[in-house]
Amino acid sequence: MERNKQKELVASLITATIEDINADFDAGKIPEGWDGIELRWLIADKFSRVVLKGIGSSYRKRGFNNHCLVEGI
């Protein structure tokens, strides 16, 4: 995948996640008492739902994990 297409994909996934979280704020679903801890959990949960919708194989995931470990990503 070309570098600019990679950047576009990342930006679209981040934008979708932000829009999803903002919709929850607007709907009053997020308690005012939540601070950085709960909001970080929410962000991680939302990203996993937006980004990981049944994609990839275990083989590709192992390759990805190995690359991140070797490259320190």
Protein backbone atom coordinates (compact mmCIF):
# COMPACT_ATOMS: atom_id res chain seq x y z
CA MET A 1 0.00 0.00 0.00
CA GLU A 2 1.36 3.43 -0.90
CA ARG A 3 2.45 5.66 1.99
CA ASN A 4 -0.21 8.31 1.37
CA LYS A 5 -2.93 5.62 1.25
CA GLN A 6 -1.63 4.25 4.55
CA LYS A 7 -1.90 7.70 6.09
CA GLU A 8 -5.42 8.16 4.71
CA LEU A 9 -6.53 4.83 6.21
CA VAL A 10 -5.08 5.69 9.62
CA ALA A 11 -6.70 9.13 9.55
CA SER A 12 -10.10 7.67 8.60
CA LEU A 13 -9.96 5.10 11.42
CA ILE A 14 -9.00 7.78 13.94
CA THR A 15 -11.74 10.10 12.68
CA ALA A 16 -14.34 7.33 12.90
CA THR A 17 -13.27 6.62 16.48
CA ILE A 18 -13.45 10.28 17.47
CA GLU A 19 -16.90 10.61 15.92
CA ASP A 20 -18.10 7.51 17.78
CA ILE A 21 -16.83 8.81 21.13
CA ASN A 22 -18.26 12.29 20.51
CA ALA A 23 -21.65 10.73 19.75
CA ASP A 24 -21.52 8.99 23.14
CA PHE A 25 -20.72 12.31 24.84
CA ASP A 26 -23.57 14.04 22.99
CA ALA A 27 -25.98 11.25 23.97
CA GLY A 28 -25.01 11.61 27.64
CA LYS A 29 -23.64 8.08 27.82
CA ILE A 30 -20.31 9.05 29.38
CA PRO A 31 -20.43 9.96 33.09
CA GLU A 32 -18.97 13.32 34.11
CA GLY A 33 -17.09 11.57 36.91
CA TRP A 34 -14.87 9.67 34.50
CA ASP A 35 -11.32 10.97 34.42
CA GLY A 36 -8.24 9.95 32.46
CA ILE A 37 -8.37 6.31 33.49
CA GLU A 38 -11.89 5.51 32.32
CA LEU A 39 -11.53 7.71 29.26
CA ARG A 40 -8.36 5.88 28.24
CA TRP A 41 -10.20 2.57 28.62
CA LEU A 42 -13.04 3.97 26.52
CA ILE A 43 -10.63 5.12 23.80
CA ALA A 44 -8.92 1.71 23.71
CA ASP A 45 -12.27 -0.07 23.56
CA LYS A 46 -13.61 2.17 20.79
CA PHE A 47 -10.43 1.81 18.74
CA SER A 48 -10.55 -1.97 19.02
CA ARG A 49 -14.17 -1.97 17.83
CA VAL A 50 -13.55 0.38 14.90
CA VAL A 51 -10.19 -1.02 13.84
CA LEU A 52 -10.45 -4.75 14.47
CA LYS A 53 -13.80 -5.74 12.96
CA GLY A 54 -12.96 -9.37 12.13
CA ILE A 55 -9.93 -8.70 9.98
CA GLY A 56 -6.74 -10.57 9.30
CA SER A 57 -5.52 -14.06 10.02
CA SER A 58 -3.56 -15.45 12.95
CA TYR A 59 -0.58 -15.84 10.60
CA ARG A 60 -0.61 -12.14 9.68
CA LYS A 61 -1.12 -11.17 13.33
CA ARG A 62 1.94 -13.18 14.38
CA GLY A 63 3.97 -11.48 11.65
CA PHE A 64 2.72 -8.09 12.78
CA ASN A 65 3.54 -8.84 16.43
CA ASN A 66 7.02 -10.05 15.48
CA HIS A 67 7.73 -6.96 13.40
CA CYS A 68 6.62 -4.62 16.21
CA LEU A 69 8.80 -6.51 18.69
CA VAL A 70 11.88 -6.47 16.46
CA GLU A 71 11.46 -2.84 15.40
CA GLY A 72 10.44 -1.59 18.84
CA ILE A 73 7.17 -0.13 17.60
